[in-house]
Amino acid sequence: MKINVIIIAVIILSSIVFTSCKTEKTAPQKGEVVTEKVAYQCPMKCEEEKTYDKEGTCPVCKMKLREKSTESEHHEHKNH
């Protein structure tokens, strides 16, 4: 009888520990605002990798700034 109580206590404590250690958020909670920071960059890269927070024109060549592409948007095109 004493062993059964110990086993049940261990099982309950183990389940509490494993379920309470979750730190990953899967989706925004109700009321949370999700914002993505957009960076703008000169298409001619006059100032190399310099980025701006707002749309506008490049102070060097006066071209319209474009949204900086992300890593997932870079694709290598190969001839098949």
PDB file of N, CA and C in Angstrom:
ATOM      1  N   MET A   1       0.817  -1.189   0.000  1.00  0.00           N
ATOM      2  CA  MET A   1       0.000   0.000   0.000  1.00  0.00           C
ATOM      3  C   MET A   1       0.864   1.258   0.000  1.00  0.00           C
ATOM      4  N   LYS A   2       1.931   1.256   0.787  1.00  0.00           N
ATOM      5  CA  LYS A   2       2.819   2.400   0.880  1.00  0.00           C
ATOM      6  C   LYS A   2       3.543   2.626  -0.449  1.00  0.00           C
ATOM      7  N   ILE A   3       3.919   1.569  -1.138  1.00  0.00           N
ATOM      8  CA  ILE A   3       4.611   1.663  -2.422  1.00  0.00           C
ATOM      9  C   ILE A   3       3.684   2.251  -3.477  1.00  0.00           C
ATOM     10  N   ASN A   4       2.413   1.873  -3.480  1.00  0.00           N
ATOM     11  CA  ASN A   4       1.446   2.406  -4.435  1.00  0.00           C
ATOM     12  C   ASN A   4       1.293   3.922  -4.268  1.00  0.00           C
ATOM     13  N   VAL A   5       1.276   4.414  -3.045  1.00  0.00           N
ATOM     14  CA  VAL A   5       1.152   5.847  -2.788  1.00  0.00           C
ATOM     15  C   VAL A   5       2.396   6.579  -3.307  1.00  0.00           C
ATOM     16  N   ILE A   6       3.560   5.990  -3.093  1.00  0.00           N
ATOM     17  CA  ILE A   6       4.801   6.597  -3.569  1.00  0.00           C
ATOM     18  C   ILE A   6       4.832   6.634  -5.091  1.00  0.00           C
ATOM     19  N   ILE A   7       4.426   5.545  -5.726  1.00  0.00           N
ATOM     20  CA  ILE A   7       4.398   5.484  -7.191  1.00  0.00           C
ATOM     21  C   ILE A   7       3.434   6.523  -7.749  1.00  0.00           C
ATOM     22  N   ILE A   8       2.259   6.643  -7.173  1.00  0.00           N
ATOM     23  CA  ILE A   8       1.265   7.624  -7.627  1.00  0.00           C
ATOM     24  C   ILE A   8       1.796   9.044  -7.434  1.00  0.00           C
ATOM     25  N   ALA A   9       2.457   9.301  -6.307  1.00  0.00           N
ATOM     26  CA  ALA A   9       3.024  10.626  -6.046  1.00  0.00           C
ATOM     27  C   ALA A   9       4.100  10.961  -7.070  1.00  0.00           C
ATOM     28  N   VAL A  10       4.953  10.000  -7.406  1.00  0.00           N
ATOM     29  CA  VAL A  10       6.007  10.221  -8.398  1.00  0.00           C
ATOM     30  C   VAL A  10       5.398  10.510  -9.766  1.00  0.00           C
ATOM     31  N   ILE A  11       4.379   9.779 -10.136  1.00  0.00           N
ATOM     32  CA  ILE A  11       3.717   9.983 -11.425  1.00  0.00           C
ATOM     33  C   ILE A  11       3.091  11.377 -11.485  1.00  0.00           C
ATOM     34  N   ILE A  12       2.416  11.787 -10.437  1.00  0.00           N
ATOM     35  CA  ILE A  12       1.776  13.106 -10.407  1.00  0.00           C
ATOM     36  C   ILE A  12       2.829  14.215 -10.467  1.00  0.00           C
ATOM     37  N   LEU A  13       3.884  14.097  -9.678  1.00  0.00           N
ATOM     38  CA  LEU A  13       4.935  15.114  -9.697  1.00  0.00           C
ATOM     39  C   LEU A  13       5.639  15.185 -11.049  1.00  0.00           C
ATOM     40  N   SER A  14       5.877  14.039 -11.653  1.00  0.00           N
ATOM     41  CA  SER A  14       6.518  14.008 -12.967  1.00  0.00           C
ATOM     42  C   SER A  14       5.651  14.691 -14.022  1.00  0.00           C
ATOM     43  N   SER A  15       4.355  14.423 -13.989  1.00  0.00           N
ATOM     44  CA  SER A  15       3.473  15.045 -14.972  1.00  0.00           C
ATOM     45  C   SER A  15       3.393  16.552 -14.768  1.00  0.00           C
ATOM     46  N   ILE A  16       3.445  17.016 -13.527  1.00  0.00           N
ATOM     47  CA  ILE A  16       3.431  18.453 -13.260  1.00  0.00           C
ATOM     48  C   ILE A  16       4.702  19.102 -13.791  1.00  0.00           C
ATOM     49  N   VAL A  17       5.835  18.472 -13.540  1.00  0.00           N
ATOM     50  CA  VAL A  17       7.113  19.023 -13.993  1.00  0.00           C
ATOM     51  C   VAL A  17       7.163  19.093 -15.518  1.00  0.00           C
ATOM     52  N   PHE A  18       6.766  18.045 -16.209  1.00  0.00           N
ATOM     53  CA  PHE A  18       6.851  18.027 -17.663  1.00  0.00           C
ATOM     54  C   PHE A  18       5.865  18.971 -18.328  1.00  0.00           C
ATOM     55  N   THR A  19       4.716  19.193 -17.749  1.00  0.00           N
ATOM     56  CA  THR A  19       3.742  20.088 -18.368  1.00  0.00           C
ATOM     57  C   THR A  19       3.988  21.545 -18.015  1.00  0.00           C
ATOM     58  N   SER A  20       4.643  21.830 -16.904  1.00  0.00           N
ATOM     59  CA  SER A  20       4.865  23.218 -16.507  1.00  0.00           C
ATOM     60  C   SER A  20       6.125  23.806 -17.114  1.00  0.00           C
ATOM     61  N   CYS A  21       6.986  23.019 -17.710  1.00  0.00           N
ATOM     62  CA  CYS A  21       8.239  23.517 -18.272  1.00  0.00           C
ATOM     63  C   CYS A  21       8.103  23.971 -19.717  1.00  0.00           C
ATOM     64  N   LYS A  22       6.922  24.083 -20.207  1.00  0.00           N
ATOM     65  CA  LYS A  22       6.706  24.490 -21.577  1.00  0.00           C
ATOM     66  C   LYS A  22       6.974  25.987 -21.703  1.00  0.00           C
ATOM     67  N   THR A  23       7.943  26.398 -22.543  1.00  0.00           N
ATOM     68  CA  THR A  23       8.267  27.803 -22.711  1.00  0.00           C
ATOM     69  C   THR A  23       7.952  28.310 -24.110  1.00  0.00           C
ATOM     70  N   GLU A  24       7.589  27.440 -25.002  1.00  0.00           N
ATOM     71  CA  GLU A  24       7.353  27.795 -26.386  1.00  0.00           C
ATOM     72  C   GLU A  24       5.947  28.336 -26.580  1.00  0.00           C
ATOM     73  N   LYS A  25       5.835  29.505 -27.253  1.00  0.00           N
ATOM     74  CA  LYS A  25       4.526  30.040 -27.595  1.00  0.00           C
ATOM     75  C   LYS A  25       4.181  29.578 -28.998  1.00  0.00           C
ATOM     76  N   THR A  26       3.003  29.063 -29.181  1.00  0.00           N
ATOM     77  CA  THR A  26       2.632  28.570 -30.498  1.00  0.00           C
ATOM     78  C   THR A  26       1.836  29.588 -31.294  1.00  0.00           C
ATOM     79  N   ALA A  27       1.032  30.393 -30.640  1.00  0.00           N
ATOM     80  CA  ALA A  27       0.208  31.373 -31.339  1.00  0.00           C
ATOM     81  C   ALA A  27       0.011  32.585 -30.440  1.00  0.00           C
ATOM     82  N   PRO A  28      -0.213  33.751 -31.050  1.00  0.00           N
ATOM     83  CA  PRO A  28      -0.456  34.929 -30.222  1.00  0.00           C
ATOM     84  C   PRO A  28      -1.743  34.777 -29.419  1.00  0.00           C
ATOM     85  N   GLN A  29      -1.699  35.257 -28.199  1.00  0.00           N
ATOM     86  CA  GLN A  29      -2.872  35.188 -27.333  1.00  0.00           C
ATOM     87  C   GLN A  29      -3.866  36.265 -27.734  1.00  0.00           C
ATOM     88  N   LYS A  30      -5.083  36.109 -27.320  1.00  0.00           N
ATOM     89  CA  LYS A  30      -6.125  37.070 -27.632  1.00  0.00           C
ATOM     90  C   LYS A  30      -5.733  38.440 -27.090  1.00  0.00           C
ATOM     91  N   GLY A  31      -5.789  39.437 -27.939  1.00  0.00           N
ATOM     92  CA  GLY A  31      -5.445  40.785 -27.528  1.00  0.00           C
ATOM     93  C   GLY A  31      -4.000  41.164 -27.805  1.00  0.00           C
ATOM     94  N   GLU A  32      -3.139  40.178 -28.134  1.00  0.00           N
ATOM     95  CA  GLU A  32      -1.748  40.476 -28.453  1.00  0.00           C
ATOM     96  C   GLU A  32      -1.649  41.006 -29.877  1.00  0.00           C
ATOM     97  N   VAL A  33      -0.781  41.970 -30.078  1.00  0.00           N
ATOM     98  CA  VAL A  33      -0.559  42.519 -31.405  1.00  0.00           C
ATOM     99  C   VAL A  33       0.777  41.997 -31.907  1.00  0.00           C
ATOM    100  N   VAL A  34       0.751  41.399 -33.090  1.00  0.00           N
ATOM    101  CA  VAL A  34       1.959  40.861 -33.690  1.00  0.00           C
ATOM    102  C   VAL A  34       2.415  41.837 -34.760  1.00  0.00           C
ATOM    103  N   THR A  35       3.631  42.354 -34.618  1.00  0.00           N
ATOM    104  CA  THR A  35       4.155  43.286 -35.611  1.00  0.00           C
ATOM    105  C   THR A  35       5.469  42.759 -36.150  1.00  0.00           C
ATOM    106  N   GLU A  36       5.652  42.942 -37.421  1.00  0.00           N
ATOM    107  CA  GLU A  36       6.906  42.568 -38.052  1.00  0.00           C
ATOM    108  C   GLU A  36       7.626  43.854 -38.410  1.00  0.00           C
ATOM    109  N   LYS A  37       8.894  43.918 -38.070  1.00  0.00           N
ATOM    110  CA  LYS A  37       9.680  45.098 -38.396  1.00  0.00           C
ATOM    111  C   LYS A  37      10.095  45.011 -39.853  1.00  0.00           C
ATOM    112  N   VAL A  38       9.754  46.047 -40.616  1.00  0.00           N
ATOM    113  CA  VAL A  38      10.088  46.100 -42.028  1.00  0.00           C
ATOM    114  C   VAL A  38      11.257  47.058 -42.195  1.00  0.00           C
ATOM    115  N   ALA A  39      12.247  46.656 -42.935  1.00  0.00           N
ATOM    116  CA  ALA A  39      13.406  47.499 -43.206  1.00  0.00           C
ATOM    117  C   ALA A  39      13.432  47.838 -44.690  1.00  0.00           C
ATOM    118  N   TYR A  40      13.849  49.052 -44.981  1.00  0.00           N
ATOM    119  CA  TYR A  40      13.952  49.512 -46.368  1.00  0.00           C
ATOM    120  C   TYR A  40      15.406  49.773 -46.694  1.00  0.00           C
ATOM    121  N   GLN A  41      15.765  49.496 -47.964  1.00  0.00           N
ATOM    122  CA  GLN A  41      17.158  49.590 -48.372  1.00  0.00           C
ATOM    123  C   GLN A  41      17.222  50.087 -49.814  1.00  0.00           C
ATOM    124  N   CYS A  42      18.307  50.777 -50.136  1.00  0.00           N
ATOM    125  CA  CYS A  42      18.512  51.243 -51.505  1.00  0.00           C
ATOM    126  C   CYS A  42      18.761  50.034 -52.409  1.00  0.00           C
ATOM    127  N   PRO A  43      18.096  49.965 -53.570  1.00  0.00           N
ATOM    128  CA  PRO A  43      18.323  48.820 -54.459  1.00  0.00           C
ATOM    129  C   PRO A  43      19.736  48.810 -55.049  1.00  0.00           C
ATOM    130  N   MET A  44      20.389  49.974 -55.080  1.00  0.00           N
ATOM    131  CA  MET A  44      21.760  50.057 -55.608  1.00  0.00           C
ATOM    132  C   MET A  44      22.805  49.845 -54.511  1.00  0.00           C
ATOM    133  N   LYS A  45      22.331  49.745 -53.251  1.00  0.00           N
ATOM    134  CA  LYS A  45      23.199  49.558 -52.082  1.00  0.00           C
ATOM    135  C   LYS A  45      24.307  50.607 -52.021  1.00  0.00           C
ATOM    136  N   CYS A  46      23.899  51.868 -52.244  1.00  0.00           N
ATOM    137  CA  CYS A  46      24.845  52.988 -52.191  1.00  0.00           C
ATOM    138  C   CYS A  46      25.534  53.069 -50.833  1.00  0.00           C
ATOM    139  N   GLU A  47      24.792  52.770 -49.794  1.00  0.00           N
ATOM    140  CA  GLU A  47      25.353  52.815 -48.442  1.00  0.00           C
ATOM    141  C   GLU A  47      25.550  51.406 -47.901  1.00  0.00           C
ATOM    142  N   GLU A  48      25.874  50.502 -48.804  1.00  0.00           N
ATOM    143  CA  GLU A  48      26.094  49.089 -48.518  1.00  0.00           C
ATOM    144  C   GLU A  48      24.861  48.460 -47.864  1.00  0.00           C
ATOM    145  N   GLU A  49      24.951  47.993 -46.635  1.00  0.00           N
ATOM    146  CA  GLU A  49      23.840  47.277 -45.998  1.00  0.00           C
ATOM    147  C   GLU A  49      22.985  48.165 -45.088  1.00  0.00           C
ATOM    148  N   LYS A  50      23.114  49.479 -45.190  1.00  0.00           N
ATOM    149  CA  LYS A  50      22.348  50.378 -44.330  1.00  0.00           C
ATOM    150  C   LYS A  50      20.858  50.254 -44.641  1.00  0.00           C
ATOM    151  N   THR A  51      20.037  50.209 -43.580  1.00  0.00           N
ATOM    152  CA  THR A  51      18.596  50.097 -43.748  1.00  0.00           C
ATOM    153  C   THR A  51      17.901  51.267 -43.055  1.00  0.00           C
ATOM    154  N   TYR A  52      16.647  51.497 -43.446  1.00  0.00           N
ATOM    155  CA  TYR A  52      15.834  52.563 -42.895  1.00  0.00           C
ATOM    156  C   TYR A  52      14.512  51.982 -42.402  1.00  0.00           C
ATOM    157  N   ASP A  53      13.913  52.636 -41.415  1.00  0.00           N
ATOM    158  CA  ASP A  53      12.650  52.172 -40.845  1.00  0.00           C
ATOM    159  C   ASP A  53      11.440  52.551 -41.686  1.00  0.00           C
ATOM    160  N   LYS A  54      11.564  53.603 -42.502  1.00  0.00           N
ATOM    161  CA  LYS A  54      10.428  54.109 -43.272  1.00  0.00           C
ATOM    162  C   LYS A  54      10.756  54.138 -44.752  1.00  0.00           C
ATOM    163  N   GLU A  55       9.686  54.111 -45.574  1.00  0.00           N
ATOM    164  CA  GLU A  55       9.856  54.245 -47.013  1.00  0.00           C
ATOM    165  C   GLU A  55      10.384  55.637 -47.314  1.00  0.00           C
ATOM    166  N   GLY A  56      11.002  55.779 -48.460  1.00  0.00           N
ATOM    167  CA  GLY A  56      11.527  57.076 -48.864  1.00  0.00           C
ATOM    168  C   GLY A  56      12.477  56.906 -50.024  1.00  0.00           C
ATOM    169  N   THR A  57      13.435  57.822 -50.115  1.00  0.00           N
ATOM    170  CA  THR A  57      14.414  57.739 -51.184  1.00  0.00           C
ATOM    171  C   THR A  57      15.812  57.682 -50.585  1.00  0.00           C
ATOM    172  N   CYS A  58      16.720  57.112 -51.349  1.00  0.00           N
ATOM    173  CA  CYS A  58      18.114  57.005 -50.936  1.00  0.00           C
ATOM    174  C   CYS A  58      18.725  58.409 -50.909  1.00  0.00           C
ATOM    175  N   PRO A  59      19.394  58.787 -49.836  1.00  0.00           N
ATOM    176  CA  PRO A  59      19.996  60.118 -49.770  1.00  0.00           C
ATOM    177  C   PRO A  59      21.170  60.292 -50.744  1.00  0.00           C
ATOM    178  N   VAL A  60      21.720  59.200 -51.252  1.00  0.00           N
ATOM    179  CA  VAL A  60      22.864  59.284 -52.158  1.00  0.00           C
ATOM    180  C   VAL A  60      22.405  59.361 -53.608  1.00  0.00           C
ATOM    181  N   CYS A  61      21.629  58.364 -54.071  1.00  0.00           N
ATOM    182  CA  CYS A  61      21.251  58.308 -55.489  1.00  0.00           C
ATOM    183  C   CYS A  61      19.807  58.715 -55.754  1.00  0.00           C
ATOM    184  N   LYS A  62      19.053  58.966 -54.709  1.00  0.00           N
ATOM    185  CA  LYS A  62      17.651  59.429 -54.794  1.00  0.00           C
ATOM    186  C   LYS A  62      16.687  58.397 -55.360  1.00  0.00           C
ATOM    187  N   MET A  63      17.099  57.130 -55.431  1.00  0.00           N
ATOM    188  CA  MET A  63      16.180  56.072 -55.870  1.00  0.00           C
ATOM    189  C   MET A  63      15.238  55.721 -54.734  1.00  0.00           C
ATOM    190  N   LYS A  64      14.071  55.193 -55.083  1.00  0.00           N
ATOM    191  CA  LYS A  64      13.083  54.789 -54.073  1.00  0.00           C
ATOM    192  C   LYS A  64      13.629  53.586 -53.300  1.00  0.00           C
ATOM    193  N   LEU A  65      13.539  53.661 -51.969  1.00  0.00           N
ATOM    194  CA  LEU A  65      13.972  52.545 -51.130  1.00  0.00           C
ATOM    195  C   LEU A  65      13.005  51.381 -51.298  1.00  0.00           C
ATOM    196  N   ARG A  66      13.516  50.178 -51.253  1.00  0.00           N
ATOM    197  CA  ARG A  66      12.686  48.968 -51.350  1.00  0.00           C
ATOM    198  C   ARG A  66      12.755  48.212 -50.038  1.00  0.00           C
ATOM    199  N   GLU A  67      11.721  47.385 -49.805  1.00  0.00           N
ATOM    200  CA  GLU A  67      11.743  46.522 -48.618  1.00  0.00           C
ATOM    201  C   GLU A  67      12.918  45.581 -48.735  1.00  0.00           C
ATOM    202  N   LYS A  68      13.649  45.445 -47.641  1.00  0.00           N
ATOM    203  CA  LYS A  68      14.791  44.536 -47.642  1.00  0.00           C
ATOM    204  C   LYS A  68      14.279  43.109 -47.677  1.00  0.00           C
ATOM    205  N   SER A  69      14.812  42.321 -48.584  1.00  0.00           N
ATOM    206  CA  SER A  69      14.358  40.939 -48.704  1.00  0.00           C
ATOM    207  C   SER A  69      14.901  40.118 -47.558  1.00  0.00           C
ATOM    208  N   THR A  70      14.121  39.136 -47.129  1.00  0.00           N
ATOM    209  CA  THR A  70      14.535  38.263 -46.037  1.00  0.00           C
ATOM    210  C   THR A  70      15.228  37.049 -46.603  1.00  0.00           C
ATOM    211  N   GLU A  71      15.844  36.275 -45.720  1.00  0.00           N
ATOM    212  CA  GLU A  71      16.560  35.068 -46.148  1.00  0.00           C
ATOM    213  C   GLU A  71      15.648  34.094 -46.866  1.00  0.00           C
ATOM    214  N   SER A  72      14.377  34.004 -46.437  1.00  0.00           N
ATOM    215  CA  SER A  72      13.469  33.031 -47.043  1.00  0.00           C
ATOM    216  C   SER A  72      13.075  33.441 -48.456  1.00  0.00           C
ATOM    217  N   GLU A  73      13.288  34.715 -48.811  1.00  0.00           N
ATOM    218  CA  GLU A  73      12.934  35.170 -50.143  1.00  0.00           C
ATOM    219  C   GLU A  73      14.062  34.972 -51.143  1.00  0.00           C
ATOM    220  N   HIS A  74      15.256  34.651 -50.660  1.00  0.00           N
ATOM    221  CA  HIS A  74      16.377  34.429 -51.564  1.00  0.00           C
ATOM    222  C   HIS A  74      16.321  33.010 -52.114  1.00  0.00           C
ATOM    223  N   HIS A  75      16.257  32.916 -53.425  1.00  0.00           N
ATOM    224  CA  HIS A  75      16.208  31.601 -54.063  1.00  0.00           C
ATOM    225  C   HIS A  75      17.295  31.565 -55.128  1.00  0.00           C
ATOM    226  N   GLU A  76      17.957  30.445 -55.224  1.00  0.00           N
ATOM    227  CA  GLU A  76      18.911  30.267 -56.301  1.00  0.00           C
ATOM    228  C   GLU A  76      18.191  29.600 -57.459  1.00  0.00           C
ATOM    229  N   HIS A  77      18.284  30.230 -58.613  1.00  0.00           N
ATOM    230  CA  HIS A  77      17.651  29.652 -59.795  1.00  0.00           C
ATOM    231  C   HIS A  77      18.709  28.897 -60.571  1.00  0.00           C
ATOM    232  N   LYS A  78      18.468  27.638 -60.801  1.00  0.00           N
ATOM    233  CA  LYS A  78      19.412  26.813 -61.533  1.00  0.00           C
ATOM    234  C   LYS A  78      18.737  26.296 -62.798  1.00  0.00           C
ATOM    235  N   ASN A  79      19.489  26.233 -63.847  1.00  0.00           N
ATOM    236  CA  ASN A  79      18.974  25.665 -65.089  1.00  0.00           C
ATOM    237  C   ASN A  79      18.936  24.158 -64.962  1.00  0.00           C
ATOM    238  N   HIS A  80      17.842  23.591 -65.295  1.00  0.00           N
ATOM    239  CA  HIS A  80      17.708  22.134 -65.209  1.00  0.00           C
ATOM    240  C   HIS A  80      17.789  21.512 -66.562  1.00  0.00           C
TER     241      HIS A  80
END
